[in-house]
Protein backbone atom coordinates (compact mmCIF):
# COMPACT_ATOMS: atom_id res chain seq x y z
CA UNK A 1 -22.01 34.44 -31.93
CA UNK A 2 -19.40 36.76 -33.41
CA UNK A 3 -16.08 37.53 -31.76
CA UNK A 4 -15.94 41.12 -30.55
CA UNK A 5 -12.85 43.11 -31.54
CA UNK A 6 -10.23 43.45 -28.80
CA UNK A 7 -7.56 46.15 -28.74
CA UNK A 8 -4.76 46.25 -26.16
CA UNK A 9 -3.27 49.60 -25.13
CA UNK A 10 -0.14 49.89 -22.99
CA UNK A 11 -1.37 52.99 -21.21
CA UNK A 12 -3.62 54.01 -18.39
CA UNK A 13 -6.56 55.16 -20.54
CA UNK A 14 -8.00 54.80 -23.99
CA UNK A 15 -8.44 57.71 -26.38
CA UNK A 16 -11.45 59.87 -25.59
CA UNK A 17 -12.98 59.21 -29.01
CA UNK A 18 -13.01 55.45 -28.69
CA UNK A 19 -16.29 53.60 -28.37
CA UNK A 20 -17.07 50.29 -26.73
CA UNK A 21 -15.84 49.02 -23.37
CA UNK A 22 -12.50 50.23 -22.00
CA UNK A 23 -11.15 47.99 -19.22
CA UNK A 24 -8.19 49.15 -17.16
CA UNK A 25 -6.46 46.30 -15.34
CA UNK A 26 -5.62 46.80 -11.69
CA UNK A 27 -2.97 44.30 -10.56
CA UNK A 28 -0.72 46.02 -7.99
CA UNK A 29 0.26 42.65 -6.51
CA UNK A 30 1.07 41.09 -9.88
CA UNK A 31 1.72 38.83 -11.51
CA UNK A 32 4.58 40.92 -12.88
CA UNK A 33 4.64 39.23 -16.27
CA UNK A 34 2.20 37.05 -18.19
CA UNK A 35 2.48 35.34 -21.55
CA UNK A 36 -1.17 35.66 -22.53
CA UNK A 37 -4.39 37.40 -21.56
CA UNK A 38 -7.69 35.74 -22.45
CA UNK A 39 -10.86 37.85 -22.37
CA UNK A 40 -14.15 35.97 -22.10
CA UNK A 41 -17.58 37.58 -22.10
CA UNK A 42 -20.00 35.46 -20.09
CA UNK A 43 -23.73 35.37 -19.66
CA UNK A 44 -24.72 37.55 -16.67
CA UNK A 45 -27.28 34.99 -15.44
CA UNK A 46 -25.26 32.99 -12.92
CA UNK A 47 -26.27 29.74 -11.30
CA UNK A 48 -25.24 28.66 -7.82
CA UNK A 49 -24.59 25.06 -6.82
CA UNK A 50 -25.92 24.18 -3.38
CA UNK A 51 -24.05 21.09 -2.21
CA UNK A 52 -20.39 21.52 -3.01
CA UNK A 53 -17.68 19.97 -0.83
CA UNK A 54 -15.62 23.15 -1.04
CA UNK A 55 -18.07 24.90 1.30
CA UNK A 56 -19.52 28.36 0.84
CA UNK A 57 -20.98 29.69 -2.38
CA UNK A 58 -20.05 28.28 -5.77
CA UNK A 59 -21.21 30.38 -8.71
CA UNK A 60 -21.28 29.35 -12.36
CA UNK A 61 -20.99 31.51 -15.47
CA UNK A 62 -21.18 30.38 -19.08
CA UNK A 63 -19.19 31.87 -21.93
CA UNK A 64 -21.45 33.85 -24.24
CA UNK A 65 -18.71 34.95 -26.63
CA UNK A 66 -15.04 35.88 -26.57
CA UNK A 67 -13.19 39.12 -27.07
CA UNK A 68 -10.03 37.23 -28.00
CA UNK A 69 -6.58 37.26 -26.42
CA UNK A 70 -3.40 39.31 -26.20
CA UNK A 71 0.03 37.68 -26.19
CA UNK A 72 3.00 38.96 -24.21
CA UNK A 73 1.40 42.12 -22.84
CA UNK A 74 3.67 44.58 -21.00
CA UNK A 75 3.32 45.19 -17.26
CA UNK A 76 -0.16 44.03 -16.29
CA UNK A 77 -1.01 46.77 -13.78
CA UNK A 78 -2.50 49.71 -15.67
CA UNK A 79 -2.85 47.88 -18.96
CA UNK A 80 -5.97 48.87 -20.93
CA UNK A 81 -8.17 46.57 -22.96
CA UNK A 82 -10.74 48.07 -25.33
CA UNK A 83 -13.56 45.91 -26.63
CA UNK A 84 -15.34 47.33 -29.65
CA UNK A 85 -19.06 46.71 -29.58
CA UNK A 86 -21.73 46.96 -32.20
CA UNK A 87 -24.71 47.63 -29.92
CA UNK A 88 -27.78 45.60 -29.10
CA UNK A 89 -25.89 42.79 -27.39
CA UNK A 90 -27.17 43.37 -23.86
CA UNK A 91 -25.06 43.07 -20.71
CA UNK A 92 -22.23 40.58 -20.41
CA UNK A 93 -19.74 39.71 -17.67
CA UNK A 94 -16.14 40.30 -18.76
CA UNK A 95 -13.56 37.92 -17.28
CA UNK A 96 -9.80 38.33 -17.81
CA UNK A 97 -7.63 35.22 -17.35
CA UNK A 98 -3.83 35.56 -17.24
CA UNK A 99 -1.50 32.69 -18.22
CA UNK A 100 2.20 32.03 -17.79
CA UNK A 101 4.42 30.42 -20.43
CA UNK A 102 3.49 26.77 -19.58
CA UNK A 103 0.56 27.80 -20.14
CA UNK A 104 -0.97 27.72 -16.67
CA UNK A 105 -3.62 30.19 -15.44
CA UNK A 106 -2.03 32.33 -12.72
CA UNK A 107 -4.55 35.16 -12.25
CA UNK A 108 -8.17 36.01 -12.92
CA UNK A 109 -9.93 39.34 -13.00
CA UNK A 110 -13.36 40.92 -13.25
CA UNK A 111 -15.15 44.21 -12.77
CA UNK A 112 -16.40 44.06 -9.18
CA UNK A 113 -19.92 45.01 -8.15
CA UNK A 114 -20.79 46.97 -4.99
CA UNK A 115 -20.12 43.91 -2.80
CA UNK A 116 -16.51 43.83 -4.07
CA UNK A 117 -16.88 40.04 -4.32
CA UNK A 118 -18.92 39.34 -7.47
CA UNK A 119 -18.56 40.35 -11.14
CA UNK A 120 -20.57 43.22 -12.55
CA UNK A 121 -22.38 42.73 -15.90
CA UNK A 122 -21.62 45.50 -18.41
CA UNK A 123 -22.74 46.54 -21.87
CA UNK A 124 -20.33 46.78 -24.80
CA UNK A 125 -21.87 49.84 -26.52
CA UNK A 126 -21.48 50.48 -30.23
CA UNK A 127 -21.87 54.27 -30.25
CA UNK A 128 -20.63 55.33 -26.82
CA UNK A 129 -17.86 54.44 -24.41
CA UNK A 130 -17.89 52.79 -20.99
CA UNK A 131 -14.84 52.68 -18.73
CA UNK A 132 -14.35 50.18 -15.91
CA UNK A 133 -11.58 48.65 -13.83
CA UNK A 134 -10.77 44.96 -13.87
CA UNK A 135 -9.44 43.84 -10.49
CA UNK A 136 -7.00 40.95 -10.91
CA UNK A 137 -6.45 38.30 -8.25
CA UNK A 138 -3.04 36.63 -8.27
CA UNK A 139 -3.71 32.91 -7.78
CA UNK A 140 -1.72 29.74 -7.17
CA UNK A 141 -2.22 26.54 -9.21
CA UNK A 142 -4.68 24.14 -7.58
CA UNK A 143 -3.88 20.49 -6.94
CA UNK A 144 -6.38 18.53 -9.11
CA UNK A 145 -6.69 15.84 -6.43
CA UNK A 146 -7.60 18.35 -3.71
CA UNK A 147 -9.92 20.63 -5.65
CA UNK A 148 -9.80 24.43 -5.71
CA UNK A 149 -9.22 26.23 -2.41
CA UNK A 150 -9.13 29.93 -1.53
CA UNK A 151 -6.41 31.73 -3.46
CA UNK A 152 -6.18 29.02 -6.15
CA UNK A 153 -7.11 28.53 -9.80
CA UNK A 154 -7.40 25.52 -12.13
CA UNK A 155 -8.19 24.92 -15.78
CA UNK A 156 -10.37 21.82 -16.10
CA UNK A 157 -10.07 19.47 -19.08
CA UNK A 158 -12.94 17.45 -20.49
CA UNK A 159 -11.81 13.95 -21.41
CA UNK A 160 -14.63 12.24 -23.35
CA UNK A 161 -15.15 8.52 -22.90
CA UNK A 162 -15.08 8.18 -26.68
CA UNK A 163 -12.00 8.60 -28.84
CA UNK A 164 -12.64 12.31 -29.17
CA UNK A 165 -9.79 14.63 -28.18
CA UNK A 166 -9.83 16.28 -24.74
CA UNK A 167 -10.92 19.91 -24.66
CA UNK A 168 -11.03 22.78 -22.18
CA UNK A 169 -14.16 22.45 -20.12
CA UNK A 170 -13.70 25.58 -18.05
CA UNK A 171 -11.84 27.46 -15.35
CA UNK A 172 -12.45 27.52 -11.59
CA UNK A 173 -10.90 30.01 -9.20
CA UNK A 174 -11.50 31.42 -5.75
CA UNK A 175 -10.19 34.87 -4.79
CA UNK A 176 -9.32 35.38 -1.14
CA UNK A 177 -12.48 36.10 0.87
CA UNK A 178 -14.86 35.56 -2.02
CA UNK A 179 -16.99 32.76 -3.48
CA UNK A 180 -15.61 30.23 -5.90
CA UNK A 181 -16.29 31.19 -9.52
CA UNK A 182 -16.59 28.66 -12.31
CA UNK A 183 -16.56 29.62 -15.97
CA UNK A 184 -17.95 27.03 -18.39
CA UNK A 185 -16.40 27.15 -21.86
CA UNK A 186 -18.11 25.83 -25.02
CA UNK A 187 -17.61 22.36 -26.45
CA UNK A 188 -15.52 22.89 -29.62
CA UNK A 189 -17.46 20.08 -31.31
CA UNK A 190 -20.45 22.38 -31.35
CA UNK A 191 -18.68 24.96 -33.50
CA UNK A 192 -19.91 27.85 -31.35
CA UNK A 193 -18.43 30.36 -28.91
CA UNK A 194 -21.61 30.16 -26.83
CA UNK A 195 -21.68 27.82 -23.80
CA UNK A 196 -25.00 28.97 -22.37
CA UNK A 197 -26.64 25.66 -23.25
CA UNK A 198 -24.11 23.52 -21.41
CA UNK A 199 -25.16 21.73 -18.20
CA UNK A 200 -23.30 22.57 -14.98
CA UNK A 201 -20.83 19.74 -15.46
CA UNK A 202 -17.38 21.31 -15.25
CA UNK A 203 -15.50 18.05 -14.61
CA UNK A 204 -17.39 16.24 -17.42
CA UNK A 205 -18.20 13.17 -15.30
CA UNK A 206 -21.78 13.01 -16.56
CA UNK A 207 -23.30 14.48 -13.37
CA UNK A 208 -24.33 18.12 -13.08
CA UNK A 209 -23.52 20.17 -10.00
CA UNK A 210 -27.16 21.15 -9.60
CA UNK A 211 -28.25 17.53 -9.90
CA UNK A 212 -26.36 15.77 -7.11
CA UNK A 213 -22.67 16.19 -7.98
CA UNK A 214 -21.16 17.40 -4.70
CA UNK A 215 -17.77 18.27 -6.24
CA UNK A 216 -17.87 19.39 -9.85
CA UNK A 217 -14.10 19.94 -10.01
CA UNK A 218 -12.98 16.37 -9.27
CA UNK A 219 -14.35 13.55 -11.42
CA UNK A 220 -14.13 10.92 -8.66
CA UNK A 221 -16.89 12.71 -6.74
CA UNK A 222 -20.38 12.05 -8.13
CA UNK A 223 -23.57 10.17 -7.16
CA UNK A 224 -22.49 7.15 -9.20
CA UNK A 225 -19.09 6.71 -7.56
CA UNK A 226 -18.29 3.61 -5.52
CA UNK A 227 -17.86 4.46 -1.84
CA UNK A 228 -14.56 3.52 -0.22
CA UNK A 229 -12.99 3.68 3.22
CA UNK A 230 -10.94 6.79 2.42
CA UNK A 231 -12.39 9.66 4.45
CA UNK A 232 -14.05 11.15 1.37
CA UNK A 233 -17.75 11.23 0.55
CA UNK A 234 -17.13 10.29 -3.07
CA UNK A 235 -20.72 9.18 -3.76
CA UNK A 236 -22.15 12.50 -2.50
CA UNK A 237 -24.73 10.87 -0.22
CA UNK A 238 -23.87 13.13 2.73
CA UNK A 239 -23.44 10.18 5.09
CA UNK A 240 -20.99 10.64 7.95
CA UNK A 241 -19.73 7.07 7.76
CA UNK A 242 -18.69 4.62 5.08
CA UNK A 243 -19.51 0.96 5.60
CA UNK A 244 -18.00 -1.42 3.07
CA UNK A 245 -17.25 -5.13 2.96
CA UNK A 246 -13.92 -6.27 4.38
CA UNK A 247 -11.42 -7.66 1.94
CA UNK A 248 -11.14 -11.34 2.84
CA UNK A 249 -9.23 -12.57 4.67
CA UNK A 250 -9.44 -9.79 7.27
CA UNK A 251 -8.37 -10.70 10.77
CA UNK A 252 -9.87 -7.54 12.25
CA UNK A 253 -13.43 -8.11 11.10
CA UNK A 254 -13.75 -11.70 9.97
CA UNK A 255 -14.99 -13.00 6.65
CA UNK A 256 -18.45 -11.46 7.14
CA UNK A 257 -17.31 -8.22 8.69
CA UNK A 258 -17.34 -4.66 7.45
CA UNK A 259 -14.97 -1.75 7.21
CA UNK A 260 -16.45 1.04 9.33
CA UNK A 261 -14.91 4.44 8.65
CA UNK A 262 -15.76 8.03 9.28
CA UNK A 263 -16.45 9.61 5.91
CA UNK A 264 -15.63 13.22 6.74
CA UNK A 265 -12.28 14.98 6.69
CA UNK A 266 -10.81 15.72 10.09
CA UNK A 267 -12.51 12.80 11.82
CA UNK A 268 -10.78 9.95 13.56
CA UNK A 269 -9.71 6.73 11.86
CA UNK A 270 -10.01 8.23 8.39
CA UNK A 271 -9.39 5.54 5.82
CA UNK A 272 -8.95 2.76 8.35
CA UNK A 273 -11.02 -0.20 9.45
CA UNK A 274 -12.18 0.22 13.03
CA UNK A 275 -10.54 -2.29 15.38
CA UNK A 276 -12.31 -5.56 16.15
CA UNK A 277 -14.17 -4.52 19.36
CA UNK A 278 -16.10 -2.00 17.25
CA UNK A 279 -16.35 -4.04 14.04
CA UNK A 280 -19.14 -6.59 14.38
CA UNK A 281 -20.18 -9.16 11.81
CA UNK A 282 -23.27 -8.49 9.72
CA UNK A 283 -23.98 -12.15 8.92
CA UNK A 284 -23.91 -15.40 10.88
CA UNK A 285 -26.26 -14.51 13.73
CA UNK A 286 -24.71 -11.51 15.46
CA UNK A 287 -27.54 -8.98 15.69
CA UNK A 288 -31.02 -9.56 14.28
CA UNK A 289 -34.44 -8.04 13.90
CA UNK A 290 -37.34 -10.40 13.08
CA UNK A 291 -40.17 -8.90 11.02
CA UNK A 292 -43.69 -10.31 10.69
CA UNK A 293 -45.29 -10.87 7.29
CA UNK A 294 -48.71 -11.91 6.05
CA UNK A 295 -49.35 -15.05 4.01
CA UNK A 296 -48.39 -18.66 4.57
CA UNK A 297 -46.31 -19.08 1.40
CA UNK A 298 -43.71 -16.94 -0.34
CA UNK A 299 -43.71 -14.24 -1.47
CA UNK A 300 -44.59 -12.51 1.80
CA UNK A 301 -46.28 -9.15 2.00
CA UNK A 302 -45.19 -6.74 4.77
CA UNK A 303 -48.07 -6.07 7.12
CA UNK A 304 -46.89 -2.57 8.00
CA UNK A 305 -43.88 -0.83 9.42
CA UNK A 306 -41.98 -2.91 11.96
CA UNK A 307 -41.46 -1.26 15.36
CA UNK A 308 -39.20 -2.52 18.13
CA UNK A 309 -36.35 -1.70 20.46
CA UNK A 310 -32.64 -2.33 20.07
CA UNK A 311 -30.84 -2.82 23.41
CA UNK A 312 -27.75 -0.69 23.99
CA UNK A 313 -26.40 -2.14 27.26
CA UNK A 314 -24.04 0.14 29.14
CA UNK A 315 -23.81 2.70 26.36
CA UNK A 316 -26.41 5.43 26.97
CA UNK A 317 -27.52 7.07 30.24
CA UNK A 318 -29.33 10.23 31.31
CA UNK A 319 -25.96 11.79 32.26
CA UNK A 320 -24.22 10.54 29.13
CA UNK A 321 -26.78 10.24 26.27
CA UNK A 322 -25.86 8.63 22.95
CA UNK A 323 -26.54 9.72 19.41
CA UNK A 324 -27.75 6.81 17.27
CA UNK A 325 -27.61 7.33 13.51
CA UNK A 326 -28.77 5.17 10.63
CA UNK A 327 -25.60 5.01 8.57
CA UNK A 328 -26.83 2.70 5.81
CA UNK A 329 -29.68 0.32 4.99
CA UNK A 330 -29.25 -2.75 2.76
CA UNK A 331 -32.20 -4.04 0.83
CA UNK A 332 -35.59 -2.41 0.05
CA UNK A 333 -35.92 -0.85 3.50
CA UNK A 334 -36.43 2.52 5.11
CA UNK A 335 -35.10 2.68 8.68
CA UNK A 336 -35.48 5.44 11.28
CA UNK A 337 -34.76 5.72 15.01
CA UNK A 338 -36.32 7.53 17.99
CA UNK A 339 -35.56 7.78 21.74
CA UNK A 340 -39.09 6.58 22.65
CA UNK A 341 -42.01 4.89 20.93
CA UNK A 342 -44.02 8.10 20.85
CA UNK A 343 -41.21 10.37 19.64
CA UNK A 344 -40.67 11.34 16.01
CA UNK A 345 -38.69 8.77 14.06
CA UNK A 346 -35.82 10.31 12.08
CA UNK A 347 -32.42 9.56 10.57
CA UNK A 348 -30.74 10.02 13.96
CA UNK A 349 -31.83 10.36 17.59
CA UNK A 350 -30.37 11.37 20.95
CA UNK A 351 -30.96 8.45 23.30
CA UNK A 352 -30.75 8.88 27.11
CA UNK A 353 -31.53 5.23 27.94
CA UNK A 354 -30.30 1.69 27.40
CA UNK A 355 -32.29 1.14 24.23
CA UNK A 356 -33.28 2.87 21.02
CA UNK A 357 -36.56 2.47 19.15
CA UNK A 358 -36.18 1.30 15.54
CA UNK A 359 -38.81 1.62 12.83
CA UNK A 360 -38.32 -0.37 9.60
CA UNK A 361 -40.61 -0.03 6.60
CA UNK A 362 -40.54 -0.89 2.90
CA UNK A 363 -42.27 0.30 -0.24
CA UNK A 364 -42.28 -3.23 -1.62
CA UNK A 365 -45.66 -4.99 -1.74
CA UNK A 366 -44.08 -8.43 -1.46
CA UNK A 367 -40.74 -10.12 -0.84
CA UNK A 368 -39.80 -13.51 -2.23
CA UNK A 369 -38.23 -14.94 0.94
CA UNK A 370 -39.02 -17.66 3.45
CA UNK A 371 -39.19 -17.26 7.26
CA UNK A 372 -35.73 -17.06 8.81
CA UNK A 373 -34.13 -15.75 5.61
CA UNK A 374 -31.93 -12.67 5.83
CA UNK A 375 -33.56 -9.94 3.75
CA UNK A 376 -31.29 -6.98 4.37
CA UNK A 377 -29.56 -5.12 7.16
CA UNK A 378 -29.67 -1.86 9.09
CA UNK A 379 -26.31 -0.30 9.90
CA UNK A 380 -26.31 1.89 13.03
CA UNK A 381 -23.57 4.11 14.44
CA UNK A 382 -23.57 5.03 18.13
CA UNK A 383 -21.55 8.02 19.34
CA UNK A 384 -21.22 9.82 22.67
CA UNK A 385 -22.49 8.29 25.87
CA UNK A 386 -20.06 5.99 27.64
CA UNK A 387 -18.19 5.10 24.46
CA UNK A 388 -14.71 6.25 25.43
CA UNK A 389 -13.20 4.48 22.41
CA UNK A 390 -15.20 6.54 19.94
CA UNK A 391 -18.04 5.64 17.54
CA UNK A 392 -19.39 2.10 17.66
CA UNK A 393 -20.85 0.25 14.72
CA UNK A 394 -23.87 -2.04 15.12
CA UNK A 395 -25.14 -4.12 12.20
CA UNK A 396 -28.67 -5.54 12.47
CA UNK A 397 -29.73 -8.37 10.17
CA UNK A 398 -33.35 -8.19 9.06
CA UNK A 399 -35.09 -11.57 8.98
CA UNK A 400 -38.59 -12.83 8.32
CA UNK A 401 -40.25 -13.88 11.53
CA UNK A 402 -43.11 -16.33 11.83
CA UNK A 403 -45.58 -15.51 9.06
CA UNK A 404 -49.15 -14.68 9.97
CA UNK A 405 -52.25 -15.12 7.85
CA UNK A 406 -53.92 -11.84 8.81
CA UNK A 407 -52.28 -8.53 9.71
CA UNK A 408 -55.21 -7.63 11.95
CA UNK A 409 -54.20 -10.52 14.22
CA UNK A 410 -50.93 -8.77 15.13
CA UNK A 411 -51.17 -6.73 18.37
CA UNK A 412 -49.87 -3.40 17.13
CA UNK A 413 -47.81 -1.47 19.72
CA UNK A 414 -48.30 1.76 17.81
CA UNK A 415 -50.27 3.29 14.99
CA UNK A 416 -49.96 1.32 11.73
CA UNK A 417 -47.08 -0.79 13.04
CA UNK A 418 -46.46 -4.26 14.42
CA UNK A 419 -44.03 -5.66 16.91
CA UNK A 420 -40.45 -6.37 15.89
CA UNK A 421 -38.00 -8.43 17.95
CA UNK A 422 -34.38 -7.24 17.93
CA UNK A 423 -31.57 -9.08 19.69
CA UNK A 424 -28.01 -7.92 20.28
CA UNK A 425 -25.36 -10.33 21.61
């Protein structure tokens, strides 16, 4: 698409005979001086990402074309930009980005709609004249490791995995009291000023914001990231806890132990292994659930969902109920919990008794394992109740119980389920 002609006027209004779009900048709070103004015309069709770590609304715009830039403008407040149009281009969203001498973006502006929070799409007429005011927000540089917070702005680079040179992927900023705005710029390799075909991948990590990337500003957050005990949900799974293998040797957890950490900011023990009373081994016979299978030789076919109780001695009472949550499941299993056998089984349950019901199922039609073999694990987290020391981790090994030749021979305690024996030391 062609570049529209930009004219800068150091006054408060353009000449009455001018055509196109006249934008008067309102920046009473500064910045006082800027080295460059960049004017981008974006597609008015925004897209909103739904699961961003920053919280609140995150809105995306894609560059449709550019009106160019002005270097070393005089005082920003009251400066007039006139964009000459040629008609027939439809409505576009004008964004004005101000840079200092480094160059670092230090302010962003737009024509506000009636909500005074979002940009207003405008036409750039070829035979008439439209006047509007661009409201600038003075912004501080964002820390790339912390993302973009309210009152901050960042220019995001795209560093390809190949030997290609890095390029500007886009700009993210968040005015005080408003949503975070993200402007996607075109890939220069495409030879176009139009970025409307780009996916919502501002940090260029290969994962789009509308396809599971929970933080599209920081590359270390994406569905393919390796989880760590750092208080950050880097793999975007939404889990409240991170459970990872201990680095051997680890005196707190033992060779077969796990690091058990809260995976949300502001929680306790962020980035630390929970002390030994709350860090139980996952192998070597600590806690087990035996599942029944059909067939006398491997591979074994699951009869149906396994259903049983996990004892929680001294943890949960009517006066001090617990919340039991399935933090992670290893192997081809689906695990859910419920306070009673007849209650709905879900990801977590409030338990007012000394046991929790556990339902374990799998989509696999067969498993190549012999009776007594460990075939996965269910990781539970218990909070509340009588646990004065905070959350407790409970790892349950899943093992094959005594195989049976016919599923109909199993006395099912519930609909489409068979008994499951769980033991806790």
